[in-house]
Amino acid sequence: MNIEKVRAKIKSYQGQTLQFRFNGSRNQVEEFSATIIDTYPSIFIVRVADSEQVKSFSYSDVLIHKLIFTNVS
C-alpha cells in the first residue's frame, strides 16, 4: 500500500466513527473511538467520541502501522 491509497481510504471514511489504536513511544498504546472530520494533503483530523478533543495524524502514521483503525458500524 502506498500513501495515495491510504489517503483515499481515509477520505472514504470521512464522517464515520472508527475505532483507533495509536502505538506511541515507549510502548504507550492509546485506544479510542473518533470521527474523521477533515482531510488535508499531509494530515487528517479526528474528533474523539464523547469529548471535544481533536487530534491530528499523518497518513504515514497509518502507512507504518503506528495508527490502526477499524470500522465500528
Protein backbone atom coordinates (compact mmCIF):
# COMPACT_ATOMS: atom_id res chain seq x y z
CA MET A 1 0.00 0.00 0.00
CA ASN A 2 1.26 3.48 -0.77
CA ILE A 3 0.46 6.89 0.67
CA GLU A 4 -2.05 7.74 -2.07
CA LYS A 5 -4.09 4.62 -1.31
CA VAL A 6 -4.01 5.42 2.41
CA ARG A 7 -5.16 8.99 1.70
CA ALA A 8 -8.04 7.75 -0.49
CA LYS A 9 -9.11 5.14 2.09
CA ILE A 10 -9.19 7.69 4.91
CA LYS A 11 -11.07 10.17 2.71
CA SER A 12 -13.71 7.48 2.07
CA TYR A 13 -14.24 7.09 5.84
CA GLN A 14 -14.71 10.83 6.42
CA GLY A 15 -17.72 11.46 8.69
CA GLN A 16 -17.79 7.90 10.03
CA THR A 17 -16.98 6.79 13.57
CA LEU A 18 -14.00 4.45 13.70
CA GLN A 19 -12.08 2.62 16.41
CA PHE A 20 -8.44 3.80 16.56
CA ARG A 21 -5.35 2.30 18.18
CA PHE A 22 -2.28 4.55 18.36
CA ASN A 23 1.04 2.90 19.19
CA GLY A 24 3.07 5.70 20.73
CA SER A 25 6.60 5.80 22.02
CA ARG A 26 7.85 3.63 24.88
CA ASN A 27 5.10 1.04 24.44
CA GLN A 28 2.32 3.52 25.16
CA VAL A 29 -0.89 2.43 23.45
CA GLU A 30 -3.98 4.59 23.22
CA GLU A 31 -7.33 3.24 22.02
CA PHE A 32 -10.30 5.50 21.27
CA SER A 33 -13.34 5.95 19.05
CA ALA A 34 -13.33 9.01 16.83
CA THR A 35 -14.85 10.54 13.73
CA ILE A 36 -12.73 11.73 10.82
CA ILE A 37 -13.81 15.35 10.42
CA ASP A 38 -11.41 16.67 7.78
CA THR A 39 -8.59 15.61 5.49
CA TYR A 40 -5.69 17.67 4.19
CA PRO A 41 -2.80 16.84 1.85
CA SER A 42 -0.46 15.73 4.68
CA ILE A 43 -2.69 15.12 7.71
CA PHE A 44 -6.22 14.24 8.76
CA ILE A 45 -8.21 15.46 11.77
CA VAL A 46 -10.39 13.33 14.07
CA ARG A 47 -12.80 14.26 16.87
CA VAL A 48 -12.72 11.84 19.80
CA ALA A 49 -16.13 10.42 20.70
CA ASP A 50 -17.71 11.59 23.97
CA SER A 51 -15.42 14.62 24.20
CA GLU A 52 -14.48 17.77 22.33
CA GLN A 53 -10.88 16.61 21.93
CA VAL A 54 -9.46 16.91 18.41
CA LYS A 55 -6.37 15.01 17.23
CA SER A 56 -4.38 15.09 14.03
CA PHE A 57 -2.41 12.30 12.40
CA SER A 58 -0.33 11.97 9.28
CA TYR A 59 -1.03 9.43 6.56
CA SER A 60 2.41 7.97 7.18
CA ASP A 61 1.25 7.01 10.72
CA VAL A 62 -1.24 4.66 9.04
CA LEU A 63 1.27 3.51 6.44
CA ILE A 64 3.84 2.39 9.04
CA HIS A 65 1.12 0.90 11.31
CA LYS A 66 1.66 3.40 14.11
CA LEU A 67 -2.07 4.20 13.83
CA ILE A 68 -4.51 1.37 13.15
CA PHE A 69 -8.22 1.86 12.63
CA THR A 70 -11.26 -0.32 12.10
CA ASN A 71 -14.81 0.48 11.07
CA VAL A 72 -17.22 0.41 14.02
CA SER A 73 -20.50 0.20 12.11
